[in-house]
Amino acid sequence: MPKYSVPVKIIAIAEYTVEVEAPTSRAAEEKAINLWRFNVGPDFQVADFDEAQAEAEQISWNCEECGKEISYEEWAKGDTFCSPCASA
């Protein structure tokens, strides 16, 4: 019976969602991807990977004056300042 040399590539997928703080959505995506070891199950074993996909959704903003976190609701109303800074 003949022998064959057969290269095999196994592609595994694990999905998770994390909240991260980052200056841009791309930085948030990179930070979230780098947390994969802490967010997949212990039975998911991989030595290395070549590709990862992520799509960040911004869920909080910072006051332009003091840097305090602004909620989506405040931001959606057009506020770029927290309540105390907007009042000042």
PDB file of N, CA and C in Angstrom:
ATOM      1  N   MET A   1       0.849  -1.158   0.000  1.00  0.00           N
ATOM      2  CA  MET A   1       0.000   0.000   0.000  1.00  0.00           C
ATOM      3  C   MET A   1       0.904   1.233   0.000  1.00  0.00           C
ATOM      4  N   PRO A   2       0.595   2.258  -0.800  1.00  0.00           N
ATOM      5  CA  PRO A   2       1.431   3.451  -0.867  1.00  0.00           C
ATOM      6  C   PRO A   2       1.289   4.312   0.385  1.00  0.00           C
ATOM      7  N   LYS A   3       2.324   5.107   0.651  1.00  0.00           N
ATOM      8  CA  LYS A   3       2.304   6.065   1.756  1.00  0.00           C
ATOM      9  C   LYS A   3       2.106   7.466   1.197  1.00  0.00           C
ATOM     10  N   TYR A   4       1.525   8.315   1.996  1.00  0.00           N
ATOM     11  CA  TYR A   4       1.284   9.684   1.580  1.00  0.00           C
ATOM     12  C   TYR A   4       1.773  10.644   2.661  1.00  0.00           C
ATOM     13  N   SER A   5       2.358  11.708   2.236  1.00  0.00           N
ATOM     14  CA  SER A   5       2.681  12.802   3.144  1.00  0.00           C
ATOM     15  C   SER A   5       1.541  13.809   3.006  1.00  0.00           C
ATOM     16  N   VAL A   6       0.818  14.028   4.078  1.00  0.00           N
ATOM     17  CA  VAL A   6      -0.380  14.861   4.011  1.00  0.00           C
ATOM     18  C   VAL A   6      -0.297  15.991   5.033  1.00  0.00           C
ATOM     19  N   PRO A   7       0.013  17.208   4.592  1.00  0.00           N
ATOM     20  CA  PRO A   7      -0.015  18.333   5.515  1.00  0.00           C
ATOM     21  C   PRO A   7      -1.465  18.618   5.914  1.00  0.00           C
ATOM     22  N   VAL A   8      -1.693  18.808   7.198  1.00  0.00           N
ATOM     23  CA  VAL A   8      -3.034  19.070   7.703  1.00  0.00           C
ATOM     24  C   VAL A   8      -3.007  20.334   8.543  1.00  0.00           C
ATOM     25  N   LYS A   9      -3.978  21.180   8.328  1.00  0.00           N
ATOM     26  CA  LYS A   9      -4.114  22.400   9.121  1.00  0.00           C
ATOM     27  C   LYS A   9      -5.462  22.333   9.831  1.00  0.00           C
ATOM     28  N   ILE A  10      -5.433  22.350  11.142  1.00  0.00           N
ATOM     29  CA  ILE A  10      -6.648  22.331  11.931  1.00  0.00           C
ATOM     30  C   ILE A  10      -6.982  23.766  12.340  1.00  0.00           C
ATOM     31  N   ILE A  11      -8.176  24.171  12.076  1.00  0.00           N
ATOM     32  CA  ILE A  11      -8.604  25.525  12.413  1.00  0.00           C
ATOM     33  C   ILE A  11      -9.642  25.420  13.526  1.00  0.00           C
ATOM     34  N   ALA A  12      -9.357  26.035  14.656  1.00  0.00           N
ATOM     35  CA  ALA A  12     -10.272  26.009  15.796  1.00  0.00           C
ATOM     36  C   ALA A  12     -10.847  27.404  16.019  1.00  0.00           C
ATOM     37  N   ILE A  13     -12.051  27.445  16.519  1.00  0.00           N
ATOM     38  CA  ILE A  13     -12.704  28.727  16.776  1.00  0.00           C
ATOM     39  C   ILE A  13     -13.188  28.766  18.220  1.00  0.00           C
ATOM     40  N   ALA A  14     -12.912  29.854  18.870  1.00  0.00           N
ATOM     41  CA  ALA A  14     -13.454  30.129  20.195  1.00  0.00           C
ATOM     42  C   ALA A  14     -13.921  31.577  20.180  1.00  0.00           C
ATOM     43  N   GLU A  15     -15.083  31.837  20.731  1.00  0.00           N
ATOM     44  CA  GLU A  15     -15.615  33.194  20.747  1.00  0.00           C
ATOM     45  C   GLU A  15     -15.821  33.646  22.179  1.00  0.00           C
ATOM     46  N   TYR A  16     -15.543  34.916  22.435  1.00  0.00           N
ATOM     47  CA  TYR A  16     -15.771  35.506  23.747  1.00  0.00           C
ATOM     48  C   TYR A  16     -15.951  37.004  23.581  1.00  0.00           C
ATOM     49  N   THR A  17     -16.548  37.638  24.571  1.00  0.00           N
ATOM     50  CA  THR A  17     -16.733  39.082  24.584  1.00  0.00           C
ATOM     51  C   THR A  17     -16.144  39.619  25.876  1.00  0.00           C
ATOM     52  N   VAL A  18     -15.347  40.653  25.762  1.00  0.00           N
ATOM     53  CA  VAL A  18     -14.757  41.300  26.928  1.00  0.00           C
ATOM     54  C   VAL A  18     -14.932  42.810  26.800  1.00  0.00           C
ATOM     55  N   GLU A  19     -14.928  43.483  27.930  1.00  0.00           N
ATOM     56  CA  GLU A  19     -14.920  44.941  27.929  1.00  0.00           C
ATOM     57  C   GLU A  19     -13.505  45.394  28.231  1.00  0.00           C
ATOM     58  N   VAL A  20     -12.965  46.251  27.384  1.00  0.00           N
ATOM     59  CA  VAL A  20     -11.619  46.777  27.575  1.00  0.00           C
ATOM     60  C   VAL A  20     -11.633  48.286  27.420  1.00  0.00           C
ATOM     61  N   GLU A  21     -10.694  48.941  28.056  1.00  0.00           N
ATOM     62  CA  GLU A  21     -10.512  50.380  27.892  1.00  0.00           C
ATOM     63  C   GLU A  21      -9.365  50.592  26.921  1.00  0.00           C
ATOM     64  N   ALA A  22      -9.586  51.435  25.918  1.00  0.00           N
ATOM     65  CA  ALA A  22      -8.554  51.701  24.918  1.00  0.00           C
ATOM     66  C   ALA A  22      -8.855  53.035  24.238  1.00  0.00           C
ATOM     67  N   PRO A  23      -7.848  53.682  23.682  1.00  0.00           N
ATOM     68  CA  PRO A  23      -8.055  54.985  23.050  1.00  0.00           C
ATOM     69  C   PRO A  23      -8.786  54.918  21.713  1.00  0.00           C
ATOM     70  N   THR A  24      -8.703  53.788  21.007  1.00  0.00           N
ATOM     71  CA  THR A  24      -9.362  53.640  19.706  1.00  0.00           C
ATOM     72  C   THR A  24      -9.991  52.255  19.612  1.00  0.00           C
ATOM     73  N   SER A  25     -10.891  52.087  18.652  1.00  0.00           N
ATOM     74  CA  SER A  25     -11.529  50.780  18.483  1.00  0.00           C
ATOM     75  C   SER A  25     -10.508  49.736  18.043  1.00  0.00           C
ATOM     76  N   ARG A  26      -9.546  50.116  17.204  1.00  0.00           N
ATOM     77  CA  ARG A  26      -8.522  49.154  16.778  1.00  0.00           C
ATOM     78  C   ARG A  26      -7.676  48.698  17.960  1.00  0.00           C
ATOM     79  N   ALA A  27      -7.308  49.638  18.824  1.00  0.00           N
ATOM     80  CA  ALA A  27      -6.537  49.282  20.019  1.00  0.00           C
ATOM     81  C   ALA A  27      -7.366  48.383  20.933  1.00  0.00           C
ATOM     82  N   ALA A  28      -8.671  48.642  21.024  1.00  0.00           N
ATOM     83  CA  ALA A  28      -9.555  47.799  21.834  1.00  0.00           C
ATOM     84  C   ALA A  28      -9.614  46.385  21.261  1.00  0.00           C
ATOM     85  N   GLU A  29      -9.692  46.274  19.943  1.00  0.00           N
ATOM     86  CA  GLU A  29      -9.726  44.961  19.302  1.00  0.00           C
ATOM     87  C   GLU A  29      -8.438  44.187  19.574  1.00  0.00           C
ATOM     88  N   GLU A  30      -7.292  44.849  19.430  1.00  0.00           N
ATOM     89  CA  GLU A  30      -6.008  44.184  19.684  1.00  0.00           C
ATOM     90  C   GLU A  30      -5.896  43.738  21.140  1.00  0.00           C
ATOM     91  N   LYS A  31      -6.329  44.601  22.057  1.00  0.00           N
ATOM     92  CA  LYS A  31      -6.266  44.277  23.478  1.00  0.00           C
ATOM     93  C   LYS A  31      -7.167  43.083  23.796  1.00  0.00           C
ATOM     94  N   ALA A  32      -8.376  43.065  23.210  1.00  0.00           N
ATOM     95  CA  ALA A  32      -9.316  41.964  23.441  1.00  0.00           C
ATOM     96  C   ALA A  32      -8.789  40.652  22.864  1.00  0.00           C
ATOM     97  N   ILE A  33      -8.189  40.712  21.695  1.00  0.00           N
ATOM     98  CA  ILE A  33      -7.623  39.503  21.083  1.00  0.00           C
ATOM     99  C   ILE A  33      -6.513  38.943  21.960  1.00  0.00           C
ATOM    100  N   ASN A  34      -5.667  39.821  22.507  1.00  0.00           N
ATOM    101  CA  ASN A  34      -4.546  39.370  23.333  1.00  0.00           C
ATOM    102  C   ASN A  34      -4.979  38.758  24.662  1.00  0.00           C
ATOM    103  N   LEU A  35      -6.251  38.875  24.997  1.00  0.00           N
ATOM    104  CA  LEU A  35      -6.774  38.278  26.229  1.00  0.00           C
ATOM    105  C   LEU A  35      -7.345  36.882  25.991  1.00  0.00           C
ATOM    106  N   TRP A  36      -7.096  36.315  24.826  1.00  0.00           N
ATOM    107  CA  TRP A  36      -7.731  35.035  24.473  1.00  0.00           C
ATOM    108  C   TRP A  36      -7.406  33.921  25.451  1.00  0.00           C
ATOM    109  N   ARG A  37      -6.178  33.866  25.947  1.00  0.00           N
ATOM    110  CA  ARG A  37      -5.801  32.775  26.855  1.00  0.00           C
ATOM    111  C   ARG A  37      -6.634  32.773  28.138  1.00  0.00           C
ATOM    112  N   PHE A  38      -7.121  33.936  28.541  1.00  0.00           N
ATOM    113  CA  PHE A  38      -7.884  34.057  29.774  1.00  0.00           C
ATOM    114  C   PHE A  38      -9.386  33.915  29.557  1.00  0.00           C
ATOM    115  N   ASN A  39      -9.829  33.851  28.287  1.00  0.00           N
ATOM    116  CA  ASN A  39     -11.253  33.885  28.006  1.00  0.00           C
ATOM    117  C   ASN A  39     -11.787  32.698  27.218  1.00  0.00           C
ATOM    118  N   VAL A  40     -10.958  31.713  26.990  1.00  0.00           N
ATOM    119  CA  VAL A  40     -11.442  30.487  26.353  1.00  0.00           C
ATOM    120  C   VAL A  40     -11.362  29.359  27.384  1.00  0.00           C
ATOM    121  N   GLY A  41     -12.125  28.334  27.168  1.00  0.00           N
ATOM    122  CA  GLY A  41     -12.162  27.234  28.125  1.00  0.00           C
ATOM    123  C   GLY A  41     -10.835  26.511  28.246  1.00  0.00           C
ATOM    124  N   PRO A  42     -10.633  25.797  29.349  1.00  0.00           N
ATOM    125  CA  PRO A  42      -9.374  25.080  29.567  1.00  0.00           C
ATOM    126  C   PRO A  42      -9.155  23.941  28.581  1.00  0.00           C
ATOM    127  N   ASP A  43     -10.216  23.483  27.931  1.00  0.00           N
ATOM    128  CA  ASP A  43     -10.066  22.406  26.957  1.00  0.00           C
ATOM    129  C   ASP A  43      -9.679  22.921  25.569  1.00  0.00           C
ATOM    130  N   PHE A  44      -9.651  24.238  25.405  1.00  0.00           N
ATOM    131  CA  PHE A  44      -9.238  24.839  24.133  1.00  0.00           C
ATOM    132  C   PHE A  44      -7.732  25.001  24.177  1.00  0.00           C
ATOM    133  N   GLN A  45      -7.021  24.194  23.424  1.00  0.00           N
ATOM    134  CA  GLN A  45      -5.563  24.235  23.447  1.00  0.00           C
ATOM    135  C   GLN A  45      -5.033  24.595  22.067  1.00  0.00           C
ATOM    136  N   VAL A  46      -4.190  25.587  22.038  1.00  0.00           N
ATOM    137  CA  VAL A  46      -3.579  26.022  20.788  1.00  0.00           C
ATOM    138  C   VAL A  46      -2.208  26.607  21.122  1.00  0.00           C
ATOM    139  N   ALA A  47      -1.223  26.261  20.334  1.00  0.00           N
ATOM    140  CA  ALA A  47       0.124  26.757  20.575  1.00  0.00           C
ATOM    141  C   ALA A  47       0.299  28.161  20.002  1.00  0.00           C
ATOM    142  N   ASP A  48      -0.319  28.416  18.867  1.00  0.00           N
ATOM    143  CA  ASP A  48      -0.156  29.686  18.181  1.00  0.00           C
ATOM    144  C   ASP A  48      -1.291  29.826  17.177  1.00  0.00           C
ATOM    145  N   PHE A  49      -1.535  31.039  16.712  1.00  0.00           N
ATOM    146  CA  PHE A  49      -2.522  31.214  15.652  1.00  0.00           C
ATOM    147  C   PHE A  49      -2.067  32.314  14.719  1.00  0.00           C
ATOM    148  N   ASP A  50      -2.543  32.236  13.482  1.00  0.00           N
ATOM    149  CA  ASP A  50      -2.137  33.184  12.457  1.00  0.00           C
ATOM    150  C   ASP A  50      -3.143  34.306  12.255  1.00  0.00           C
ATOM    151  N   GLU A  51      -4.376  34.046  12.609  1.00  0.00           N
ATOM    152  CA  GLU A  51      -5.407  35.023  12.300  1.00  0.00           C
ATOM    153  C   GLU A  51      -6.417  35.095  13.434  1.00  0.00           C
ATOM    154  N   ALA A  52      -6.893  36.297  13.690  1.00  0.00           N
ATOM    155  CA  ALA A  52      -7.952  36.505  14.670  1.00  0.00           C
ATOM    156  C   ALA A  52      -8.856  37.607  14.147  1.00  0.00           C
ATOM    157  N   GLN A  53     -10.106  37.529  14.475  1.00  0.00           N
ATOM    158  CA  GLN A  53     -11.060  38.539  14.048  1.00  0.00           C
ATOM    159  C   GLN A  53     -11.716  39.153  15.266  1.00  0.00           C
ATOM    160  N   ALA A  54     -11.936  40.455  15.214  1.00  0.00           N
ATOM    161  CA  ALA A  54     -12.612  41.157  16.304  1.00  0.00           C
ATOM    162  C   ALA A  54     -13.272  42.398  15.738  1.00  0.00           C
ATOM    163  N   GLU A  55     -14.344  42.807  16.372  1.00  0.00           N
ATOM    164  CA  GLU A  55     -15.007  44.043  15.973  1.00  0.00           C
ATOM    165  C   GLU A  55     -15.450  44.759  17.237  1.00  0.00           C
ATOM    166  N   ALA A  56     -14.814  45.868  17.535  1.00  0.00           N
ATOM    167  CA  ALA A  56     -15.076  46.586  18.778  1.00  0.00           C
ATOM    168  C   ALA A  56     -16.308  47.475  18.658  1.00  0.00           C
ATOM    169  N   GLU A  57     -17.042  47.551  19.745  1.00  0.00           N
ATOM    170  CA  GLU A  57     -18.179  48.457  19.859  1.00  0.00           C
ATOM    171  C   GLU A  57     -17.933  49.327  21.080  1.00  0.00           C
ATOM    172  N   GLN A  58     -17.856  50.625  20.867  1.00  0.00           N
ATOM    173  CA  GLN A  58     -17.565  51.528  21.973  1.00  0.00           C
ATOM    174  C   GLN A  58     -18.777  51.582  22.906  1.00  0.00           C
ATOM    175  N   ILE A  59     -18.539  51.422  24.210  1.00  0.00           N
ATOM    176  CA  ILE A  59     -19.644  51.404  25.167  1.00  0.00           C
ATOM    177  C   ILE A  59     -19.536  52.500  26.227  1.00  0.00           C
ATOM    178  N   SER A  60     -18.457  53.246  26.229  1.00  0.00           N
ATOM    179  CA  SER A  60     -18.369  54.402  27.124  1.00  0.00           C
ATOM    180  C   SER A  60     -17.443  55.440  26.509  1.00  0.00           C
ATOM    181  N   TRP A  61     -17.590  56.649  26.984  1.00  0.00           N
ATOM    182  CA  TRP A  61     -16.806  57.769  26.483  1.00  0.00           C
ATOM    183  C   TRP A  61     -16.246  58.510  27.679  1.00  0.00           C
ATOM    184  N   ASN A  62     -15.338  59.434  27.434  1.00  0.00           N
ATOM    185  CA  ASN A  62     -14.746  60.207  28.514  1.00  0.00           C
ATOM    186  C   ASN A  62     -15.041  61.681  28.321  1.00  0.00           C
ATOM    187  N   CYS A  63     -15.267  62.359  29.429  1.00  0.00           N
ATOM    188  CA  CYS A  63     -15.513  63.801  29.433  1.00  0.00           C
ATOM    189  C   CYS A  63     -14.318  64.510  28.786  1.00  0.00           C
ATOM    190  N   GLU A  64     -14.606  65.437  27.899  1.00  0.00           N
ATOM    191  CA  GLU A  64     -13.530  66.165  27.225  1.00  0.00           C
ATOM    192  C   GLU A  64     -12.773  67.084  28.175  1.00  0.00           C
ATOM    193  N   GLU A  65     -13.393  67.427  29.299  1.00  0.00           N
ATOM    194  CA  GLU A  65     -12.760  68.341  30.248  1.00  0.00           C
ATOM    195  C   GLU A  65     -11.952  67.609  31.325  1.00  0.00           C
ATOM    196  N   CYS A  66     -12.592  66.678  32.040  1.00  0.00           N
ATOM    197  CA  CYS A  66     -11.928  66.055  33.193  1.00  0.00           C
ATOM    198  C   CYS A  66     -11.560  64.588  32.974  1.00  0.00           C
ATOM    199  N   GLY A  67     -12.069  63.970  31.924  1.00  0.00           N
ATOM    200  CA  GLY A  67     -11.744  62.581  31.629  1.00  0.00           C
ATOM    201  C   GLY A  67     -12.640  61.563  32.301  1.00  0.00           C
ATOM    202  N   LYS A  68     -13.621  62.014  33.107  1.00  0.00           N
ATOM    203  CA  LYS A  68     -14.549  61.093  33.770  1.00  0.00           C
ATOM    204  C   LYS A  68     -15.363  60.341  32.722  1.00  0.00           C
ATOM    205  N   GLU A  69     -15.693  59.087  33.038  1.00  0.00           N
ATOM    206  CA  GLU A  69     -16.455  58.272  32.094  1.00  0.00           C
ATOM    207  C   GLU A  69     -17.866  58.818  31.892  1.00  0.00           C
ATOM    208  N   ILE A  70     -18.295  58.849  30.641  1.00  0.00           N
ATOM    209  CA  ILE A  70     -19.640  59.289  30.266  1.00  0.00           C
ATOM    210  C   ILE A  70     -20.375  58.060  29.726  1.00  0.00           C
ATOM    211  N   SER A  71     -21.605  57.876  30.139  1.00  0.00           N
ATOM    212  CA  SER A  71     -22.384  56.720  29.677  1.00  0.00           C
ATOM    213  C   SER A  71     -22.842  56.912  28.233  1.00  0.00           C
ATOM    214  N   TYR A  72     -23.295  55.815  27.638  1.00  0.00           N
ATOM    215  CA  TYR A  72     -23.831  55.882  26.276  1.00  0.00           C
ATOM    216  C   TYR A  72     -25.030  56.822  26.231  1.00  0.00           C
ATOM    217  N   GLU A  73     -25.870  56.747  27.251  1.00  0.00           N
ATOM    218  CA  GLU A  73     -27.070  57.580  27.274  1.00  0.00           C
ATOM    219  C   GLU A  73     -26.716  59.064  27.241  1.00  0.00           C
ATOM    220  N   GLU A  74     -25.706  59.451  28.040  1.00  0.00           N
ATOM    221  CA  GLU A  74     -25.264  60.851  28.034  1.00  0.00           C
ATOM    222  C   GLU A  74     -24.683  61.215  26.672  1.00  0.00           C
ATOM    223  N   TRP A  75     -23.846  60.328  26.145  1.00  0.00           N
ATOM    224  CA  TRP A  75     -23.214  60.595  24.858  1.00  0.00           C
ATOM    225  C   TRP A  75     -24.249  60.682  23.740  1.00  0.00           C
ATOM    226  N   ALA A  76     -25.272  59.812  23.779  1.00  0.00           N
ATOM    227  CA  ALA A  76     -26.298  59.781  22.733  1.00  0.00           C
ATOM    228  C   ALA A  76     -27.107  61.077  22.705  1.00  0.00           C
ATOM    229  N   LYS A  77     -27.173  61.763  23.867  1.00  0.00           N
ATOM    230  CA  LYS A  77     -27.868  63.054  23.916  1.00  0.00           C
ATOM    231  C   LYS A  77     -26.994  64.175  23.363  1.00  0.00           C
ATOM    232  N   GLY A  78     -25.783  63.845  22.962  1.00  0.00           N
ATOM    233  CA  GLY A  78     -24.886  64.850  22.415  1.00  0.00           C
ATOM    234  C   GLY A  78     -23.943  65.448  23.426  1.00  0.00           C
ATOM    235  N   ASP A  79     -23.949  64.904  24.652  1.00  0.00           N
ATOM    236  CA  ASP A  79     -23.060  65.416  25.687  1.00  0.00           C
ATOM    237  C   ASP A  79     -21.653  64.847  25.505  1.00  0.00           C
ATOM    238  N   THR A  80     -20.666  65.719  25.477  1.00  0.00           N
ATOM    239  CA  THR A  80     -19.274  65.261  25.451  1.00  0.00           C
ATOM    240  C   THR A  80     -18.578  65.635  26.753  1.00  0.00           C
ATOM    241  N   PHE A  81     -19.359  66.190  27.695  1.00  0.00           N
ATOM    242  CA  PHE A  81     -18.858  66.553  29.011  1.00  0.00           C
ATOM    243  C   PHE A  81     -19.723  65.849  30.057  1.00  0.00           C
ATOM    244  N   CYS A  82     -19.135  65.504  31.203  1.00  0.00           N
ATOM    245  CA  CYS A  82     -19.917  64.945  32.300  1.00  0.00           C
ATOM    246  C   CYS A  82     -20.816  66.059  32.866  1.00  0.00           C
ATOM    247  N   SER A  83     -21.770  65.696  33.681  1.00  0.00           N
ATOM    248  CA  SER A  83     -22.724  66.683  34.225  1.00  0.00           C
ATOM    249  C   SER A  83     -22.044  67.828  34.963  1.00  0.00           C
ATOM    250  N   PRO A  84     -21.080  67.544  35.885  1.00  0.00           N
ATOM    251  CA  PRO A  84     -20.429  68.666  36.586  1.00  0.00           C
ATOM    252  C   PRO A  84     -19.688  69.632  35.646  1.00  0.00           C
ATOM    253  N   CYS A  85     -18.978  69.082  34.658  1.00  0.00           N
ATOM    254  CA  CYS A  85     -18.231  69.937  33.734  1.00  0.00           C
ATOM    255  C   CYS A  85     -19.170  70.698  32.805  1.00  0.00           C
ATOM    256  N   ALA A  86     -20.293  70.097  32.445  1.00  0.00           N
ATOM    257  CA  ALA A  86     -21.253  70.760  31.575  1.00  0.00           C
ATOM    258  C   ALA A  86     -21.922  71.928  32.316  1.00  0.00           C
ATOM    259  N   SER A  87     -22.095  71.765  33.625  1.00  0.00           N
ATOM    260  CA  SER A  87     -22.716  72.815  34.439  1.00  0.00           C
ATOM    261  C   SER A  87     -21.776  74.001  34.666  1.00  0.00           C
ATOM    262  N   ALA A  88     -20.488  73.723  34.634  1.00  0.00           N
ATOM    263  CA  ALA A  88     -19.493  74.782  34.927  1.00  0.00           C
ATOM    264  C   ALA A  88     -19.311  75.744  33.774  1.00  0.00           C
TER     265      ALA A  88
END
